[in-house]
Amino acid sequence: MLTPRSVYRPLDWQIAAWRDRSPILLLTGSAGGGKSRLAAEKLHGFLLRYPNAMGLAVRKTRNSMTNSTVLFLERTVIGDDRQVTHYPSKNRFEYANGSILAYGGMANEEQREQIRSIGQGGSVDMVWMEEATRFTEDDYNEIMPRMRGVAAPWRQVILTTNPDTPSHWIYRRLI
């Protein structure tokens, strides 16, 4: 069994979202409010809890993923846990229990193709779409059919974002 290196203590507003098992979890709010930390911790906790789970973290571009979100995962969430190994050349973290956290971008067809073939048979258990307003609705539609993982009795897509205009697809479709 995996043992976390430190205990995540959610803020009061994060508790309900931490427990939420709905297929879509939309976390909105101002910068610095804790939504990315919650999403990262929830994804990491899911992968620790469910052996052989497939997790995916995406930003619009792979470059923004590796230069921000991956650093955040390494330094703040996963830390020096020896039970999780980072393989930058493979764009993933591998867990001792068989779970995998892959990461990437969706900026062009090459990056989108890598997302399509992620996991066992293209299936994923949990996805974190960081800075979700940067994604197009087509990007979102690319993710949804991949939510076929079977490691847990539930699957979830987490979108973290700062509010955008009411004409944005997130407002129209998810709010």
N, C-alpha and C. Protein backbone atom coordinates (compact mmCIF):
# COMPACT_ATOMS: atom_id res chain seq x y z
N MET A 1 0.84 -1.19 0.00
CA MET A 1 0.00 0.00 0.00
C MET A 1 0.88 1.24 0.00
N LEU A 2 0.48 2.23 -0.77
CA LEU A 2 1.23 3.48 -0.84
C LEU A 2 0.96 4.35 0.37
N THR A 3 1.98 5.00 0.84
CA THR A 3 1.86 5.93 1.95
C THR A 3 2.22 7.31 1.47
N PRO A 4 1.32 8.29 1.61
CA PRO A 4 1.66 9.64 1.17
C PRO A 4 2.79 10.23 2.02
N ARG A 5 3.58 11.12 1.41
CA ARG A 5 4.69 11.76 2.10
C ARG A 5 4.20 12.87 3.02
N SER A 6 3.11 13.49 2.68
CA SER A 6 2.51 14.51 3.53
C SER A 6 1.00 14.42 3.39
N VAL A 7 0.30 14.94 4.34
CA VAL A 7 -1.16 14.87 4.33
C VAL A 7 -1.71 16.15 3.74
N TYR A 8 -2.57 16.01 2.76
CA TYR A 8 -3.26 17.16 2.17
C TYR A 8 -4.42 17.54 3.06
N ARG A 9 -4.48 18.78 3.44
CA ARG A 9 -5.56 19.28 4.27
C ARG A 9 -6.35 20.30 3.45
N PRO A 10 -7.53 19.89 2.94
CA PRO A 10 -8.29 20.79 2.09
C PRO A 10 -8.84 21.99 2.86
N LEU A 11 -8.99 23.08 2.15
CA LEU A 11 -9.67 24.25 2.69
C LEU A 11 -11.14 23.90 2.84
N ASP A 12 -11.86 24.66 3.64
CA ASP A 12 -13.28 24.35 3.88
C ASP A 12 -14.06 24.21 2.58
N TRP A 13 -13.87 25.12 1.63
CA TRP A 13 -14.65 25.08 0.39
C TRP A 13 -14.27 23.87 -0.47
N GLN A 14 -13.08 23.29 -0.27
CA GLN A 14 -12.62 22.19 -1.10
C GLN A 14 -13.16 20.83 -0.68
N ILE A 15 -13.70 20.72 0.52
CA ILE A 15 -14.13 19.41 1.05
C ILE A 15 -15.21 18.78 0.18
N ALA A 16 -16.24 19.53 -0.17
CA ALA A 16 -17.32 18.97 -0.99
C ALA A 16 -16.79 18.55 -2.36
N ALA A 17 -15.93 19.36 -2.95
CA ALA A 17 -15.37 19.02 -4.26
C ALA A 17 -14.45 17.80 -4.17
N TRP A 18 -13.72 17.67 -3.07
CA TRP A 18 -12.86 16.50 -2.86
C TRP A 18 -13.69 15.21 -2.84
N ARG A 19 -14.85 15.28 -2.23
CA ARG A 19 -15.72 14.10 -2.10
C ARG A 19 -16.58 13.85 -3.34
N ASP A 20 -16.70 14.83 -4.19
CA ASP A 20 -17.57 14.76 -5.36
C ASP A 20 -17.11 13.66 -6.32
N ARG A 21 -18.03 12.82 -6.75
CA ARG A 21 -17.73 11.74 -7.69
C ARG A 21 -18.51 11.87 -8.99
N SER A 22 -19.07 13.05 -9.23
CA SER A 22 -19.83 13.24 -10.46
C SER A 22 -18.89 13.15 -11.67
N PRO A 23 -19.42 12.84 -12.84
CA PRO A 23 -18.57 12.67 -14.02
C PRO A 23 -17.79 13.93 -14.41
N ILE A 24 -18.36 15.11 -14.14
CA ILE A 24 -17.71 16.38 -14.45
C ILE A 24 -17.63 17.21 -13.19
N LEU A 25 -16.44 17.71 -12.88
CA LEU A 25 -16.25 18.61 -11.73
C LEU A 25 -15.62 19.89 -12.25
N LEU A 26 -16.38 20.97 -12.22
CA LEU A 26 -15.91 22.27 -12.70
C LEU A 26 -15.51 23.12 -11.50
N LEU A 27 -14.23 23.49 -11.44
CA LEU A 27 -13.72 24.32 -10.36
C LEU A 27 -13.37 25.69 -10.93
N THR A 28 -14.11 26.71 -10.53
CA THR A 28 -13.87 28.06 -11.03
C THR A 28 -13.58 28.98 -9.86
N GLY A 29 -13.00 30.11 -10.20
CA GLY A 29 -12.71 31.10 -9.17
C GLY A 29 -11.48 31.91 -9.54
N SER A 30 -11.15 32.83 -8.70
CA SER A 30 -10.03 33.72 -8.98
C SER A 30 -8.70 32.99 -8.84
N ALA A 31 -7.67 33.59 -9.40
CA ALA A 31 -6.33 33.02 -9.32
C ALA A 31 -5.89 32.93 -7.87
N GLY A 32 -5.24 31.84 -7.51
CA GLY A 32 -4.72 31.67 -6.16
C GLY A 32 -5.73 31.15 -5.15
N GLY A 33 -6.92 30.75 -5.61
CA GLY A 33 -7.96 30.30 -4.68
C GLY A 33 -7.85 28.85 -4.24
N GLY A 34 -6.99 28.07 -4.88
CA GLY A 34 -6.79 26.68 -4.46
C GLY A 34 -7.40 25.63 -5.36
N LYS A 35 -7.98 26.03 -6.49
CA LYS A 35 -8.63 25.05 -7.35
C LYS A 35 -7.63 24.10 -8.02
N SER A 36 -6.48 24.59 -8.45
CA SER A 36 -5.48 23.72 -9.06
C SER A 36 -4.88 22.77 -8.04
N ARG A 37 -4.66 23.25 -6.83
CA ARG A 37 -4.13 22.37 -5.79
C ARG A 37 -5.12 21.25 -5.50
N LEU A 38 -6.38 21.59 -5.39
CA LEU A 38 -7.41 20.58 -5.15
C LEU A 38 -7.43 19.55 -6.28
N ALA A 39 -7.42 20.02 -7.53
CA ALA A 39 -7.47 19.10 -8.67
C ALA A 39 -6.25 18.18 -8.68
N ALA A 40 -5.07 18.73 -8.45
CA ALA A 40 -3.85 17.93 -8.46
C ALA A 40 -3.85 16.91 -7.33
N GLU A 41 -4.25 17.32 -6.15
CA GLU A 41 -4.30 16.41 -5.00
C GLU A 41 -5.34 15.32 -5.20
N LYS A 42 -6.49 15.69 -5.76
CA LYS A 42 -7.54 14.71 -5.99
C LYS A 42 -7.10 13.68 -7.02
N LEU A 43 -6.48 14.12 -8.09
CA LEU A 43 -5.97 13.21 -9.11
C LEU A 43 -4.90 12.28 -8.53
N HIS A 44 -3.97 12.85 -7.81
CA HIS A 44 -2.91 12.06 -7.18
C HIS A 44 -3.51 11.06 -6.17
N GLY A 45 -4.43 11.52 -5.34
CA GLY A 45 -5.08 10.65 -4.37
C GLY A 45 -5.84 9.51 -5.03
N PHE A 46 -6.50 9.81 -6.13
CA PHE A 46 -7.22 8.79 -6.89
C PHE A 46 -6.26 7.71 -7.38
N LEU A 47 -5.13 8.13 -7.92
CA LEU A 47 -4.15 7.17 -8.44
C LEU A 47 -3.51 6.35 -7.33
N LEU A 48 -3.35 6.93 -6.16
CA LEU A 48 -2.85 6.17 -5.01
C LEU A 48 -3.89 5.16 -4.53
N ARG A 49 -5.14 5.55 -4.53
CA ARG A 49 -6.23 4.73 -3.97
C ARG A 49 -6.61 3.55 -4.85
N TYR A 50 -6.60 3.76 -6.18
CA TYR A 50 -7.09 2.73 -7.10
C TYR A 50 -5.93 2.17 -7.94
N PRO A 51 -5.48 0.95 -7.64
CA PRO A 51 -4.39 0.35 -8.42
C PRO A 51 -4.74 0.25 -9.91
N ASN A 52 -3.72 0.42 -10.72
CA ASN A 52 -3.84 0.32 -12.18
C ASN A 52 -4.75 1.37 -12.80
N ALA A 53 -4.97 2.47 -12.09
CA ALA A 53 -5.78 3.56 -12.63
C ALA A 53 -4.96 4.35 -13.64
N MET A 54 -5.67 4.94 -14.59
CA MET A 54 -5.03 5.78 -15.60
C MET A 54 -5.53 7.20 -15.41
N GLY A 55 -4.58 8.10 -15.09
CA GLY A 55 -4.90 9.51 -14.93
C GLY A 55 -4.25 10.31 -16.05
N LEU A 56 -4.83 11.43 -16.36
CA LEU A 56 -4.33 12.30 -17.41
C LEU A 56 -4.46 13.75 -16.96
N ALA A 57 -3.38 14.49 -17.08
CA ALA A 57 -3.39 15.94 -16.82
C ALA A 57 -3.05 16.62 -18.13
N VAL A 58 -3.89 17.57 -18.56
CA VAL A 58 -3.65 18.26 -19.82
C VAL A 58 -3.79 19.76 -19.65
N ARG A 59 -2.98 20.45 -20.42
CA ARG A 59 -3.14 21.88 -20.65
C ARG A 59 -3.23 22.06 -22.15
N LYS A 60 -3.52 23.24 -22.61
CA LYS A 60 -3.66 23.44 -24.05
C LYS A 60 -2.37 23.08 -24.78
N THR A 61 -1.23 23.49 -24.24
CA THR A 61 0.03 23.16 -24.91
C THR A 61 0.89 22.29 -24.00
N ARG A 62 1.62 21.38 -24.60
CA ARG A 62 2.53 20.53 -23.83
C ARG A 62 3.58 21.37 -23.13
N ASN A 63 4.06 22.44 -23.77
CA ASN A 63 5.07 23.31 -23.18
C ASN A 63 4.55 23.95 -21.88
N SER A 64 3.32 24.45 -21.90
CA SER A 64 2.77 25.04 -20.67
C SER A 64 2.56 23.97 -19.60
N MET A 65 2.28 22.75 -20.02
CA MET A 65 2.13 21.65 -19.07
C MET A 65 3.45 21.36 -18.37
N THR A 66 4.51 21.18 -19.14
CA THR A 66 5.79 20.79 -18.54
C THR A 66 6.42 21.92 -17.74
N ASN A 67 6.16 23.16 -18.14
CA ASN A 67 6.80 24.29 -17.46
C ASN A 67 6.00 24.86 -16.29
N SER A 68 4.84 24.32 -16.03
CA SER A 68 4.06 24.81 -14.89
C SER A 68 3.43 23.65 -14.11
N THR A 69 2.50 22.97 -14.71
CA THR A 69 1.74 21.95 -13.99
C THR A 69 2.60 20.78 -13.55
N VAL A 70 3.49 20.31 -14.41
CA VAL A 70 4.36 19.19 -14.03
C VAL A 70 5.28 19.60 -12.89
N LEU A 71 5.81 20.80 -12.94
CA LEU A 71 6.64 21.28 -11.83
C LEU A 71 5.84 21.34 -10.54
N PHE A 72 4.61 21.81 -10.63
CA PHE A 72 3.73 21.87 -9.47
C PHE A 72 3.47 20.47 -8.91
N LEU A 73 3.18 19.51 -9.79
CA LEU A 73 2.97 18.13 -9.35
C LEU A 73 4.21 17.58 -8.66
N GLU A 74 5.36 17.78 -9.29
CA GLU A 74 6.63 17.26 -8.73
C GLU A 74 6.96 17.86 -7.38
N ARG A 75 6.87 19.16 -7.29
CA ARG A 75 7.38 19.87 -6.10
C ARG A 75 6.37 20.01 -4.98
N THR A 76 5.10 20.08 -5.30
CA THR A 76 4.10 20.36 -4.28
C THR A 76 3.24 19.16 -3.92
N VAL A 77 2.86 18.38 -4.90
CA VAL A 77 1.90 17.30 -4.66
C VAL A 77 2.60 15.96 -4.44
N ILE A 78 3.42 15.53 -5.37
CA ILE A 78 4.07 14.22 -5.27
C ILE A 78 5.32 14.29 -4.41
N GLY A 79 6.05 15.36 -4.53
CA GLY A 79 7.24 15.54 -3.69
C GLY A 79 8.27 14.44 -3.91
N ASP A 80 8.87 13.98 -2.84
CA ASP A 80 9.93 12.97 -2.95
C ASP A 80 9.43 11.56 -2.67
N ASP A 81 8.16 11.32 -2.89
CA ASP A 81 7.60 10.00 -2.65
C ASP A 81 8.29 8.97 -3.55
N ARG A 82 9.00 8.06 -2.97
CA ARG A 82 9.76 7.06 -3.72
C ARG A 82 8.87 6.03 -4.41
N GLN A 83 7.60 6.04 -4.08
CA GLN A 83 6.67 5.11 -4.69
C GLN A 83 6.08 5.64 -6.00
N VAL A 84 6.48 6.86 -6.36
CA VAL A 84 6.06 7.46 -7.62
C VAL A 84 7.32 7.88 -8.36
N THR A 85 7.45 7.40 -9.58
CA THR A 85 8.63 7.71 -10.39
C THR A 85 8.21 8.53 -11.60
N HIS A 86 8.94 9.62 -11.83
CA HIS A 86 8.67 10.48 -12.97
C HIS A 86 9.55 10.06 -14.13
N TYR A 87 8.93 9.87 -15.29
CA TYR A 87 9.63 9.55 -16.53
C TYR A 87 9.36 10.67 -17.53
N PRO A 88 10.14 11.75 -17.47
CA PRO A 88 9.89 12.88 -18.37
C PRO A 88 9.90 12.51 -19.85
N SER A 89 10.76 11.57 -20.23
CA SER A 89 10.84 11.18 -21.65
C SER A 89 9.56 10.48 -22.11
N LYS A 90 8.80 9.93 -21.17
CA LYS A 90 7.54 9.26 -21.49
C LYS A 90 6.33 10.14 -21.16
N ASN A 91 6.57 11.33 -20.62
CA ASN A 91 5.51 12.25 -20.23
C ASN A 91 4.54 11.61 -19.24
N ARG A 92 5.12 10.99 -18.19
CA ARG A 92 4.25 10.37 -17.20
C ARG A 92 4.95 10.11 -15.88
N PHE A 93 4.10 9.92 -14.86
CA PHE A 93 4.51 9.45 -13.55
C PHE A 93 3.96 8.03 -13.42
N GLU A 94 4.77 7.12 -12.89
CA GLU A 94 4.32 5.75 -12.67
C GLU A 94 4.29 5.47 -11.18
N TYR A 95 3.21 4.88 -10.72
CA TYR A 95 2.99 4.59 -9.31
C TYR A 95 3.32 3.12 -9.03
N ALA A 96 3.77 2.84 -7.84
CA ALA A 96 4.13 1.47 -7.46
C ALA A 96 2.95 0.51 -7.54
N ASN A 97 1.73 1.01 -7.44
CA ASN A 97 0.54 0.15 -7.51
C ASN A 97 0.05 -0.07 -8.94
N GLY A 98 0.83 0.37 -9.92
CA GLY A 98 0.47 0.17 -11.32
C GLY A 98 -0.28 1.33 -11.95
N SER A 99 -0.65 2.33 -11.17
CA SER A 99 -1.34 3.49 -11.73
C SER A 99 -0.35 4.35 -12.51
N ILE A 100 -0.88 5.11 -13.45
CA ILE A 100 -0.07 6.00 -14.28
C ILE A 100 -0.75 7.36 -14.37
N LEU A 101 0.05 8.40 -14.26
CA LEU A 101 -0.41 9.77 -14.51
C LEU A 101 0.35 10.27 -15.73
N ALA A 102 -0.32 10.30 -16.86
CA ALA A 102 0.26 10.82 -18.08
C ALA A 102 -0.09 12.30 -18.18
N TYR A 103 0.70 13.04 -18.94
CA TYR A 103 0.42 14.46 -19.13
C TYR A 103 0.78 14.90 -20.54
N GLY A 104 0.10 15.95 -20.99
CA GLY A 104 0.36 16.43 -22.34
C GLY A 104 -0.43 17.67 -22.66
N GLY A 105 -0.44 17.98 -23.95
CA GLY A 105 -1.14 19.15 -24.46
C GLY A 105 -2.10 18.74 -25.56
N MET A 106 -2.85 19.72 -26.04
CA MET A 106 -3.81 19.48 -27.12
C MET A 106 -3.76 20.60 -28.14
N ALA A 107 -2.57 21.16 -28.36
CA ALA A 107 -2.43 22.33 -29.21
C ALA A 107 -2.50 22.03 -30.70
N ASN A 108 -2.14 20.82 -31.09
CA ASN A 108 -2.13 20.48 -32.51
C ASN A 108 -2.51 19.01 -32.68
N GLU A 109 -2.57 18.58 -33.92
CA GLU A 109 -3.02 17.21 -34.20
C GLU A 109 -2.07 16.16 -33.61
N GLU A 110 -0.78 16.43 -33.61
CA GLU A 110 0.17 15.47 -33.03
C GLU A 110 -0.09 15.26 -31.53
N GLN A 111 -0.28 16.37 -30.81
CA GLN A 111 -0.55 16.27 -29.37
C GLN A 111 -1.91 15.61 -29.12
N ARG A 112 -2.89 15.94 -29.94
CA ARG A 112 -4.22 15.34 -29.78
C ARG A 112 -4.17 13.84 -30.04
N GLU A 113 -3.38 13.41 -31.01
CA GLU A 113 -3.25 11.99 -31.32
C GLU A 113 -2.64 11.23 -30.14
N GLN A 114 -1.69 11.85 -29.46
CA GLN A 114 -1.10 11.21 -28.28
C GLN A 114 -2.14 11.04 -27.18
N ILE A 115 -3.04 11.99 -27.06
CA ILE A 115 -4.12 11.89 -26.07
C ILE A 115 -5.07 10.75 -26.45
N ARG A 116 -5.36 10.63 -27.75
CA ARG A 116 -6.28 9.58 -28.21
C ARG A 116 -5.79 8.18 -27.87
N SER A 117 -4.48 7.99 -27.85
CA SER A 117 -3.94 6.64 -27.65
C SER A 117 -3.43 6.42 -26.23
N ILE A 118 -3.83 7.26 -25.32
CA ILE A 118 -3.35 7.16 -23.93
C ILE A 118 -4.04 6.01 -23.21
N GLY A 119 -3.36 5.39 -22.29
CA GLY A 119 -3.96 4.36 -21.43
C GLY A 119 -4.19 3.04 -22.13
N GLN A 120 -4.78 2.12 -21.40
CA GLN A 120 -5.11 0.80 -21.93
C GLN A 120 -6.30 0.94 -22.89
N GLY A 121 -6.04 0.74 -24.16
CA GLY A 121 -7.12 0.83 -25.13
C GLY A 121 -7.74 2.20 -25.23
N GLY A 122 -6.98 3.24 -24.90
CA GLY A 122 -7.49 4.60 -24.99
C GLY A 122 -8.45 4.98 -23.88
N SER A 123 -8.44 4.23 -22.78
CA SER A 123 -9.37 4.55 -21.69
C SER A 123 -8.64 5.21 -20.53
N VAL A 124 -9.36 6.10 -19.86
CA VAL A 124 -8.81 6.89 -18.76
C VAL A 124 -9.83 6.87 -17.62
N ASP A 125 -9.32 6.94 -16.39
CA ASP A 125 -10.19 6.97 -15.20
C ASP A 125 -10.46 8.38 -14.71
N MET A 126 -9.43 9.24 -14.72
CA MET A 126 -9.60 10.61 -14.24
C MET A 126 -8.74 11.54 -15.09
N VAL A 127 -9.32 12.69 -15.45
CA VAL A 127 -8.62 13.70 -16.24
C VAL A 127 -8.70 15.04 -15.54
N TRP A 128 -7.60 15.76 -15.56
CA TRP A 128 -7.57 17.13 -15.06
C TRP A 128 -7.24 18.03 -16.24
N MET A 129 -8.18 18.92 -16.60
CA MET A 129 -7.97 19.90 -17.67
C MET A 129 -7.65 21.23 -16.99
N GLU A 130 -6.38 21.56 -16.91
CA GLU A 130 -5.90 22.77 -16.24
C GLU A 130 -6.01 23.96 -17.17
N GLU A 131 -6.46 25.09 -16.62
CA GLU A 131 -6.70 26.31 -17.41
C GLU A 131 -7.70 26.00 -18.53
N ALA A 132 -8.85 25.50 -18.13
CA ALA A 132 -9.84 24.96 -19.07
C ALA A 132 -10.35 25.97 -20.09
N THR A 133 -10.33 27.25 -19.79
CA THR A 133 -10.82 28.22 -20.78
C THR A 133 -9.94 28.27 -22.02
N ARG A 134 -8.73 27.77 -21.94
CA ARG A 134 -7.83 27.72 -23.09
C ARG A 134 -8.21 26.62 -24.08
N PHE A 135 -8.94 25.61 -23.59
CA PHE A 135 -9.35 24.51 -24.45
C PHE A 135 -10.56 24.90 -25.28
N THR A 136 -10.66 24.29 -26.45
CA THR A 136 -11.85 24.45 -27.26
C THR A 136 -12.86 23.39 -26.86
N GLU A 137 -14.07 23.57 -27.29
CA GLU A 137 -15.08 22.55 -27.04
C GLU A 137 -14.70 21.24 -27.74
N ASP A 138 -14.04 21.33 -28.88
CA ASP A 138 -13.56 20.12 -29.56
C ASP A 138 -12.52 19.38 -28.72
N ASP A 139 -11.67 20.11 -28.01
CA ASP A 139 -10.70 19.47 -27.10
C ASP A 139 -11.45 18.68 -26.02
N TYR A 140 -12.44 19.31 -25.44
CA TYR A 140 -13.25 18.67 -24.41
C TYR A 140 -13.93 17.42 -24.98
N ASN A 141 -14.48 17.56 -26.18
CA ASN A 141 -15.14 16.43 -26.83
C ASN A 141 -14.16 15.31 -27.16
N GLU A 142 -12.91 15.62 -27.31
CA GLU A 142 -11.87 14.61 -27.54
C GLU A 142 -11.60 13.79 -26.27
N ILE A 143 -11.72 14.43 -25.13
CA ILE A 143 -11.46 13.78 -23.85
C ILE A 143 -12.62 12.85 -23.44
N MET A 144 -13.83 13.30 -23.61
CA MET A 144 -14.99 12.60 -23.05
C MET A 144 -15.11 11.13 -23.46
N PRO A 145 -14.88 10.76 -24.71
CA PRO A 145 -14.99 9.33 -25.06
C PRO A 145 -13.91 8.45 -24.43
N ARG A 146 -12.87 9.04 -23.89
CA ARG A 146 -11.79 8.28 -23.27
C ARG A 146 -12.11 7.90 -21.82
N MET A 147 -13.19 8.42 -21.30
CA MET A 147 -13.56 8.19 -19.91
C MET A 147 -14.24 6.82 -19.75
N ARG A 148 -13.43 5.78 -20.01
CA ARG A 148 -13.94 4.41 -19.96
C ARG A 148 -13.14 3.54 -18.99
N GLY A 149 -12.36 4.16 -18.13
CA GLY A 149 -11.53 3.40 -17.20
C GLY A 149 -12.36 2.54 -16.25
N VAL A 150 -11.75 1.48 -15.74
CA VAL A 150 -12.47 0.55 -14.87
C VAL A 150 -11.74 0.32 -13.54
N ALA A 151 -10.75 1.14 -13.23
CA ALA A 151 -9.98 0.94 -11.99
C ALA A 151 -10.79 1.27 -10.75
N ALA A 152 -11.79 2.12 -10.89
CA ALA A 152 -12.60 2.56 -9.75
C ALA A 152 -14.07 2.46 -10.15
N PRO A 153 -14.97 2.55 -9.18
CA PRO A 153 -16.40 2.52 -9.51
C PRO A 153 -16.91 3.86 -10.06
N TRP A 154 -16.03 4.81 -10.27
CA TRP A 154 -16.41 6.12 -10.80
C TRP A 154 -15.26 6.70 -11.62
N ARG A 155 -15.59 7.61 -12.53
CA ARG A 155 -14.62 8.33 -13.36
C ARG A 155 -14.97 9.81 -13.29
N GLN A 156 -13.97 10.65 -13.57
CA GLN A 156 -14.24 12.09 -13.46
C GLN A 156 -13.30 12.89 -14.34
N VAL A 157 -13.86 13.95 -14.93
CA VAL A 157 -13.09 14.99 -15.60
C VAL A 157 -13.16 16.22 -14.72
N ILE A 158 -12.00 16.75 -14.33
CA ILE A 158 -11.93 17.95 -13.51
C ILE A 158 -11.45 19.09 -14.40
N LEU A 159 -12.19 20.16 -14.45
CA LEU A 159 -11.80 21.35 -15.20
C LEU A 159 -11.53 22.47 -14.20
N THR A 160 -10.34 23.05 -14.26
CA THR A 160 -10.00 24.19 -13.41
C THR A 160 -9.86 25.41 -14.31
N THR A 161 -10.47 26.51 -13.88
CA THR A 161 -10.48 27.68 -14.74
C THR A 161 -10.82 28.95 -13.97
N ASN A 162 -10.34 30.05 -14.48
CA ASN A 162 -10.81 31.35 -14.02
C ASN A 162 -12.03 31.68 -14.87
N PRO A 163 -12.97 32.41 -14.33
CA PRO A 163 -14.18 32.71 -15.10
C PRO A 163 -13.87 33.40 -16.42
N ASP A 164 -14.68 33.10 -17.42
CA ASP A 164 -14.57 33.71 -18.74
C ASP A 164 -15.94 34.29 -19.08
N THR A 165 -16.10 34.72 -20.29
CA THR A 165 -17.34 35.36 -20.70
C THR A 165 -18.48 34.34 -20.81
N PRO A 166 -19.71 34.80 -20.66
CA PRO A 166 -20.86 33.90 -20.78
C PRO A 166 -20.99 33.25 -22.16
N SER A 167 -20.29 33.76 -23.16
CA SER A 167 -20.36 33.14 -24.49
C SER A 167 -19.37 31.98 -24.64
N HIS A 168 -18.48 31.80 -23.68
CA HIS A 168 -17.51 30.70 -23.75
C HIS A 168 -18.23 29.36 -23.66
N TRP A 169 -17.70 28.34 -24.31
CA TRP A 169 -18.35 27.03 -24.34
C TRP A 169 -18.54 26.43 -22.95
N ILE A 170 -17.64 26.73 -22.01
CA ILE A 170 -17.80 26.20 -20.65
C ILE A 170 -19.08 26.74 -20.01
N TYR A 171 -19.34 28.04 -20.18
CA TYR A 171 -20.58 28.61 -19.66
C TYR A 171 -21.79 27.97 -20.35
N ARG A 172 -21.73 27.92 -21.66
CA ARG A 172 -22.88 27.40 -22.42
C ARG A 172 -23.16 25.93 -22.10
N ARG A 173 -22.13 25.14 -21.94
CA ARG A 173 -22.32 23.70 -21.81
C ARG A 173 -22.33 23.17 -20.38
N LEU A 174 -21.54 23.78 -19.50
CA LEU A 174 -21.36 23.21 -18.16
C LEU A 174 -21.95 24.03 -17.02
N ILE A 175 -22.25 25.28 -17.27
CA ILE A 175 -22.79 26.12 -16.18
C ILE A 175 -24.28 26.37 -16.43
